[in-house]
Amino acid sequence: METALQAPGIDMRASTAMRLPAGMASAGPAKEARSTTFTFEHKVFQVPSVFFALTEDRKPAMHIDYGDLRAAIELRAVRRGFGIPPCSNDDTMLDTVAGSLRFVRRIRPNDSIPREVLDGTASWAADESHHQTAYSRLTLQLASWMTGGTGVRLGRDQVRSLAVNPEVVSRVQSAVAEIVQKIGLQPHEKHVIVDRIEAFARELSYVEAIRERFDATRGIGQKVARLLALYKTDRMVGDNLTRVAALMRGPLAAFDAMFANVDAMIADVVGICQNYEERVVRLRAMRDDLFELYLMWEPIFERWQGQEIVKGKATEESVRLLFQFLARNYPQANTWKR
């Protein structure tokens, strides 16, 4: 099973399940014992070249290589064409494949099922730096709640610097004591609040890792603007760059909205402490939506990370691929104007 290419800030090696503080159950509904690997029964799935991946229009499909040719068969056609009975093991496993392709690029029979599908935890590991940023964000939210505010959205360096400010630390300690009383705990149960904030920060660290990577979209937009000035006399490349600049606005706004939703949820620190498991389920759903988008964008990030602001075939190929990617995934009906 192939995960996303390893990139700075996101360690794609399989992680161990997060251990919650004592007395805190893992979020999500209990599930019956189930297979942890993609195990099939029909002989078609035993063909050595078979694997599952999304098509260009992001439909889950079974792929079979025939020498230099590759056939891609959407899963509903696989069921019909190979007589997969409804509710059979293979039918259920194909549903699992479809859900798992949100988190991995390619699946082969007998690969491990992603942890996101099995138990809701992440199958990749966030860096400790992202945990520190997440914990700092929650710390500042505690301090803001203590003074009647809701906190503000700050950059990573600002958040981590403010979180260790002595005045902020003092307000956090007072906030924890008040929350203990507010949600009906005893004074000696202060550790429950501390444990829940720490555990929620671990969950939030995955979002912080993805947030860092999505910051790369700003850099792409800036490079496109500089290239547009460079290619202003080249009608063909200039037109493509104009289209790219317009198409970039939609996904940038969507990314901002998704992270704003996360920030809005973590602003309610009392709700996190009071309804921990329900909030973790919501946060994991947000994490999974963001990671699915990251997986889709990752090849673009990788290519544009090293893109120089120079004329040439490599630059024009980068522009062409970016335009195709945006037009396919974020179509618009606008009339292009230069």
Protein backbone atom coordinates (compact mmCIF):
# COMPACT_ATOMS: atom_id res chain seq x y z
CA MET A 1 0.00 0.00 0.00
CA GLU A 2 1.47 3.34 -1.02
CA THR A 3 1.10 6.39 1.17
CA ALA A 4 1.80 9.96 0.15
CA LEU A 5 5.40 10.79 -0.65
CA GLN A 6 7.25 11.85 2.48
CA ALA A 7 7.41 15.63 2.71
CA PRO A 8 8.85 18.12 5.19
CA GLY A 9 6.59 18.37 8.21
CA ILE A 10 4.65 15.15 7.59
CA ASP A 11 6.24 11.82 8.44
CA MET A 12 4.39 9.20 6.39
CA ARG A 13 5.77 6.21 8.29
CA ALA A 14 3.07 4.19 10.02
CA SER A 15 2.46 5.52 13.51
CA THR A 16 1.46 3.66 16.62
CA ALA A 17 -2.01 4.34 17.99
CA MET A 18 -2.14 7.37 20.23
CA ARG A 19 -2.39 6.40 23.88
CA LEU A 20 -5.05 8.40 25.66
CA PRO A 21 -4.72 9.31 29.34
CA ALA A 22 -5.97 6.75 31.81
CA GLY A 23 -9.75 6.67 32.08
CA MET A 24 -10.32 8.12 28.60
CA ALA A 25 -11.78 5.81 25.98
CA SER A 26 -10.74 6.01 22.35
CA ALA A 27 -13.11 8.20 20.37
CA GLY A 28 -15.43 6.61 17.85
CA PRO A 29 -17.92 3.74 17.93
CA ALA A 30 -16.78 0.30 18.98
CA LYS A 31 -16.32 -2.04 16.04
CA GLU A 32 -16.44 -5.78 15.71
CA ALA A 33 -13.26 -7.70 15.01
CA ARG A 34 -12.47 -7.31 11.32
CA SER A 35 -9.75 -7.95 8.81
CA THR A 36 -6.82 -5.56 8.98
CA THR A 37 -5.67 -6.40 5.45
CA PHE A 38 -7.30 -6.25 2.02
CA THR A 39 -8.14 -9.93 1.69
CA PHE A 40 -10.10 -11.06 -1.38
CA GLU A 41 -11.52 -14.39 -2.54
CA HIS A 42 -12.21 -14.00 -6.28
CA LYS A 43 -9.37 -15.16 -8.53
CA VAL A 44 -9.27 -11.88 -10.46
CA PHE A 45 -7.79 -10.23 -7.37
CA GLN A 46 -4.97 -12.78 -7.38
CA VAL A 47 -3.57 -11.55 -10.70
CA PRO A 48 -0.05 -10.25 -9.83
CA SER A 49 -0.48 -6.89 -11.61
CA VAL A 50 -3.79 -5.96 -9.95
CA PHE A 51 -3.97 -2.84 -7.78
CA PHE A 52 -6.55 -0.22 -6.84
CA ALA A 53 -6.18 3.54 -7.37
CA LEU A 54 -8.26 6.58 -8.26
CA THR A 55 -8.77 7.43 -11.91
CA GLU A 56 -7.95 10.90 -13.23
CA ASP A 57 -11.50 11.97 -12.41
CA ARG A 58 -11.02 10.57 -8.88
CA LYS A 59 -13.18 7.45 -9.19
CA PRO A 60 -11.98 4.32 -7.32
CA ALA A 61 -10.98 1.65 -9.82
CA MET A 62 -9.18 -1.66 -10.19
CA HIS A 63 -6.12 -1.40 -12.44
CA ILE A 64 -4.59 -4.32 -14.34
CA ASP A 65 -1.37 -4.05 -16.32
CA TYR A 66 -1.07 -5.81 -19.70
CA GLY A 67 2.51 -5.15 -20.71
CA ASP A 68 2.59 -1.51 -21.79
CA LEU A 69 -1.18 -1.18 -21.48
CA ARG A 70 -3.18 -0.55 -18.31
CA ALA A 71 -6.88 -1.20 -17.89
CA ALA A 72 -8.80 0.75 -15.25
CA ILE A 73 -12.20 -0.66 -14.24
CA GLU A 74 -14.40 1.30 -11.85
CA LEU A 75 -15.41 -0.73 -8.81
CA ARG A 76 -19.10 -0.88 -9.71
CA ALA A 77 -18.10 -2.38 -13.07
CA VAL A 78 -15.79 -4.83 -11.26
CA ARG A 79 -18.74 -6.06 -9.19
CA ARG A 80 -20.92 -6.46 -12.26
CA GLY A 81 -18.28 -7.82 -14.63
CA PHE A 82 -16.86 -10.44 -12.27
CA GLY A 83 -20.11 -11.38 -10.54
CA ILE A 84 -19.23 -10.17 -7.04
CA PRO A 85 -22.31 -11.02 -4.90
CA PRO A 86 -23.79 -8.21 -2.78
CA CYS A 87 -22.82 -8.34 0.91
CA SER A 88 -20.07 -10.90 0.19
CA ASN A 89 -16.57 -10.55 1.62
CA ASP A 90 -15.26 -9.19 -1.69
CA ASP A 91 -18.16 -6.72 -1.98
CA THR A 92 -17.47 -5.41 1.54
CA MET A 93 -13.74 -5.27 0.85
CA LEU A 94 -14.31 -3.21 -2.30
CA ASP A 95 -16.25 -0.71 -0.16
CA THR A 96 -13.25 -0.61 2.17
CA VAL A 97 -10.95 -0.03 -0.81
CA ALA A 98 -13.08 2.93 -1.93
CA GLY A 99 -12.91 4.49 1.53
CA SER A 100 -9.20 3.80 1.92
CA LEU A 101 -8.20 5.53 -1.30
CA ARG A 102 -8.83 8.80 0.54
CA PHE A 103 -5.63 8.10 2.48
CA VAL A 104 -3.32 6.14 0.16
CA ARG A 105 -2.53 6.41 -3.53
CA ARG A 106 -2.42 2.73 -4.35
CA ILE A 107 -3.67 -0.50 -2.76
CA ARG A 108 -2.70 -4.06 -3.60
CA PRO A 109 -4.44 -7.19 -2.31
CA ASN A 110 -3.11 -8.18 1.15
CA ASP A 111 -1.90 -4.62 1.91
CA SER A 112 -2.77 -3.27 5.36
CA ILE A 113 -6.01 -1.30 5.69
CA PRO A 114 -5.32 2.32 6.76
CA ARG A 115 -5.83 3.04 10.44
CA GLU A 116 -8.22 5.88 9.57
CA VAL A 117 -10.65 3.24 8.29
CA LEU A 118 -10.01 0.69 11.04
CA ASP A 119 -10.15 2.77 14.21
CA GLY A 120 -10.11 6.46 13.28
CA THR A 121 -6.50 7.15 14.25
CA ALA A 122 -4.03 8.47 11.67
CA SER A 123 -1.83 6.05 9.73
CA TRP A 124 0.95 8.63 9.49
CA ALA A 125 2.91 10.49 12.16
CA ALA A 126 3.00 14.24 12.81
CA ASP A 127 6.24 15.79 14.04
CA GLU A 128 6.69 16.75 17.69
CA SER A 129 6.94 20.36 16.54
CA HIS A 130 3.36 20.15 15.31
CA HIS A 131 2.26 18.80 18.68
CA GLN A 132 3.95 21.74 20.37
CA THR A 133 2.16 24.16 18.04
CA ALA A 134 -1.19 22.45 18.65
CA TYR A 135 -0.69 22.47 22.42
CA SER A 136 0.29 26.14 22.29
CA ARG A 137 -2.87 26.99 20.35
CA LEU A 138 -5.02 25.28 22.96
CA THR A 139 -3.07 26.98 25.74
CA LEU A 140 -3.76 30.40 24.22
CA GLN A 141 -7.43 29.51 23.86
CA LEU A 142 -7.54 28.69 27.57
CA ALA A 143 -5.92 32.01 28.41
CA SER A 144 -8.32 33.89 26.10
CA TRP A 145 -11.35 32.14 27.60
CA MET A 146 -10.21 33.23 31.04
CA THR A 147 -10.38 36.89 29.96
CA GLY A 148 -13.66 36.50 28.06
CA GLY A 149 -12.10 36.36 24.60
CA THR A 150 -12.04 33.67 21.95
CA GLY A 151 -8.42 33.86 20.89
CA VAL A 152 -7.01 35.02 17.56
CA ARG A 153 -5.49 33.17 14.65
CA LEU A 154 -1.72 33.51 14.82
CA GLY A 155 1.24 32.00 13.02
CA ARG A 156 3.15 29.05 14.46
CA ASP A 157 6.07 31.08 15.83
CA GLN A 158 3.79 33.67 17.47
CA VAL A 159 1.63 30.97 19.05
CA ARG A 160 4.55 29.08 20.56
CA SER A 161 6.20 32.26 21.81
CA LEU A 162 3.05 33.59 23.50
CA ALA A 163 2.19 30.24 25.08
CA VAL A 164 5.25 30.37 27.36
CA ASN A 165 4.66 33.96 28.45
CA PRO A 166 4.45 33.93 32.29
CA GLU A 167 1.23 35.96 32.29
CA VAL A 168 -0.38 33.53 29.83
CA VAL A 169 0.78 30.54 31.89
CA SER A 170 -0.79 32.05 35.00
CA ARG A 171 -4.09 32.66 33.21
CA VAL A 172 -4.08 29.09 31.90
CA GLN A 173 -3.73 27.68 35.41
CA SER A 174 -6.65 29.82 36.58
CA ALA A 175 -8.71 28.77 33.54
CA VAL A 176 -8.15 25.07 34.24
CA ALA A 177 -9.33 25.54 37.84
CA GLU A 178 -12.49 27.33 36.67
CA ILE A 179 -13.26 24.75 33.99
CA VAL A 180 -12.95 21.97 36.57
CA GLN A 181 -15.67 23.66 38.57
CA LYS A 182 -17.75 24.63 35.51
CA ILE A 183 -18.12 21.07 34.20
CA GLY A 184 -18.83 19.58 37.61
CA LEU A 185 -15.52 17.98 38.56
CA GLN A 186 -13.92 18.02 41.98
CA PRO A 187 -10.87 20.24 42.66
CA HIS A 188 -8.63 17.18 42.95
CA GLU A 189 -9.71 16.13 39.42
CA LYS A 190 -7.82 18.96 37.75
CA HIS A 191 -5.65 16.33 36.04
CA VAL A 192 -8.68 15.26 33.95
CA ILE A 193 -8.75 18.66 32.21
CA VAL A 194 -4.98 18.72 31.78
CA ASP A 195 -5.03 15.20 30.29
CA ARG A 196 -7.83 16.05 27.89
CA ILE A 197 -6.09 19.17 26.62
CA GLU A 198 -2.87 17.21 26.14
CA ALA A 199 -4.66 14.37 24.32
CA PHE A 200 -6.63 16.78 22.13
CA ALA A 201 -3.39 18.54 21.23
CA ARG A 202 -2.05 15.20 19.97
CA GLU A 203 -5.09 14.90 17.72
CA LEU A 204 -4.76 18.51 16.60
CA SER A 205 -1.07 18.05 15.74
CA TYR A 206 -2.07 16.21 12.53
CA VAL A 207 -4.08 19.22 11.39
CA GLU A 208 -1.13 21.49 12.19
CA ALA A 209 1.12 19.28 10.03
CA ILE A 210 -1.30 19.54 7.12
CA ARG A 211 -1.76 23.29 7.72
CA GLU A 212 1.99 23.75 7.32
CA ARG A 213 2.02 21.92 4.02
CA PHE A 214 -0.96 23.84 2.65
CA ASP A 215 0.96 27.05 3.29
CA ALA A 216 2.83 26.02 0.12
CA THR A 217 -0.19 27.05 -1.95
CA ARG A 218 0.58 30.68 -1.09
CA GLY A 219 4.06 30.23 -2.51
CA ILE A 220 2.64 28.73 -5.71
CA GLY A 221 0.36 31.74 -6.14
CA GLN A 222 3.27 34.12 -5.66
CA LYS A 223 5.39 32.26 -8.21
CA VAL A 224 2.53 32.29 -10.72
CA ALA A 225 2.23 36.07 -10.33
CA ARG A 226 5.96 36.53 -10.93
CA LEU A 227 5.91 34.21 -13.93
CA LEU A 228 2.94 36.12 -15.38
CA ALA A 229 5.09 39.26 -15.39
CA LEU A 230 7.91 37.31 -17.00
CA TYR A 231 5.69 35.82 -19.73
CA LYS A 232 3.54 38.89 -20.36
CA THR A 233 4.60 39.00 -24.03
CA ASP A 234 4.04 35.26 -24.59
CA ARG A 235 0.36 34.91 -25.39
CA MET A 236 0.03 31.12 -25.01
CA VAL A 237 1.93 30.72 -21.71
CA GLY A 238 0.63 34.06 -20.45
CA ASP A 239 -2.98 32.94 -21.05
CA ASN A 240 -2.36 29.72 -19.15
CA LEU A 241 -0.85 31.64 -16.25
CA THR A 242 -3.84 34.01 -16.20
CA ARG A 243 -6.18 31.02 -16.04
CA VAL A 244 -4.09 29.40 -13.31
CA ALA A 245 -4.16 32.59 -11.22
CA ALA A 246 -7.96 32.74 -11.48
CA LEU A 247 -8.44 29.03 -10.75
CA MET A 248 -6.20 29.21 -7.68
CA ARG A 249 -8.61 31.57 -5.90
CA GLY A 250 -11.23 28.88 -5.34
CA PRO A 251 -9.05 26.27 -3.61
CA LEU A 252 -7.24 28.93 -1.56
CA ALA A 253 -10.57 30.19 -0.22
CA ALA A 254 -11.69 26.61 0.45
CA PHE A 255 -8.50 25.78 2.38
CA ASP A 256 -8.89 28.92 4.48
CA ALA A 257 -12.50 27.99 5.27
CA MET A 258 -11.56 24.45 6.33
CA PHE A 259 -8.83 25.61 8.69
CA ALA A 260 -11.14 28.35 10.00
CA ASN A 261 -13.65 25.63 10.93
CA VAL A 262 -10.93 23.82 12.89
CA ASP A 263 -9.95 27.04 14.65
CA ALA A 264 -13.58 27.76 15.50
CA MET A 265 -13.95 24.35 17.10
CA ILE A 266 -10.79 24.59 19.22
CA ALA A 267 -11.89 28.05 20.41
CA ASP A 268 -14.52 26.24 22.49
CA VAL A 269 -12.10 24.78 25.04
CA VAL A 270 -14.86 24.17 27.56
CA GLY A 271 -16.73 22.08 25.00
CA ILE A 272 -13.54 20.12 24.28
CA CYS A 273 -13.07 19.35 27.97
CA GLN A 274 -16.74 18.55 28.53
CA ASN A 275 -17.44 16.52 25.35
CA TYR A 276 -13.96 15.22 24.59
CA GLU A 277 -14.82 12.11 22.59
CA GLU A 278 -17.44 13.83 20.40
CA ARG A 279 -14.98 16.65 19.62
CA VAL A 280 -12.23 14.18 18.73
CA VAL A 281 -14.56 12.45 16.26
CA ARG A 282 -15.30 15.83 14.64
CA LEU A 283 -11.63 16.80 14.55
CA ARG A 284 -10.64 13.48 12.98
CA ALA A 285 -13.25 13.97 10.26
CA MET A 286 -11.76 17.40 9.53
CA ARG A 287 -8.25 15.90 9.58
CA ASP A 288 -9.26 13.21 7.09
CA ASP A 289 -10.88 15.71 4.71
CA LEU A 290 -7.74 17.86 4.82
CA PHE A 291 -5.41 14.90 4.33
CA GLU A 292 -7.42 13.71 1.33
CA LEU A 293 -6.93 17.14 -0.22
CA TYR A 294 -3.25 17.14 0.71
CA LEU A 295 -2.78 13.78 -1.00
CA MET A 296 -4.37 15.19 -4.14
CA TRP A 297 -2.20 18.33 -4.08
CA GLU A 298 1.08 16.76 -2.99
CA PRO A 299 2.56 16.20 -6.50
CA ILE A 300 1.84 19.87 -7.28
CA PHE A 301 3.50 21.00 -4.05
CA GLU A 302 6.55 18.88 -4.78
CA ARG A 303 6.96 20.15 -8.34
CA TRP A 304 6.48 23.83 -7.49
CA GLN A 305 8.65 23.75 -4.39
CA GLY A 306 11.73 23.78 -6.60
CA GLN A 307 10.27 25.80 -9.45
CA GLU A 308 12.56 28.68 -10.44
CA ILE A 309 11.24 31.96 -11.84
CA VAL A 310 12.85 31.57 -15.26
CA LYS A 311 11.64 31.04 -18.79
CA GLY A 312 12.10 27.59 -20.21
CA LYS A 313 10.51 24.25 -21.09
CA ALA A 314 10.54 23.00 -17.49
CA THR A 315 8.69 26.11 -16.30
CA GLU A 316 6.15 25.86 -19.10
CA GLU A 317 5.57 22.20 -18.32
CA SER A 318 4.96 23.08 -14.67
CA VAL A 319 2.42 25.71 -15.72
CA ARG A 320 0.71 23.28 -18.10
CA LEU A 321 0.41 20.54 -15.46
CA LEU A 322 -0.87 23.00 -12.84
CA PHE A 323 -3.48 24.35 -15.24
CA GLN A 324 -4.66 20.83 -16.11
CA PHE A 325 -4.83 19.91 -12.42
CA LEU A 326 -6.86 23.00 -11.51
CA ALA A 327 -9.17 22.76 -14.52
CA ARG A 328 -9.89 19.11 -13.76
CA ASN A 329 -10.47 19.50 -10.03
CA TYR A 330 -11.72 23.09 -9.73
CA PRO A 331 -13.58 23.87 -12.97
CA GLN A 332 -15.07 27.31 -13.47
CA ALA A 333 -17.30 28.81 -16.13
CA ASN A 334 -15.48 32.16 -16.17
CA THR A 335 -14.50 34.02 -19.30
CA TRP A 336 -10.75 34.54 -19.13
CA LYS A 337 -9.52 38.12 -19.37
CA ARG A 338 -5.96 39.42 -19.48
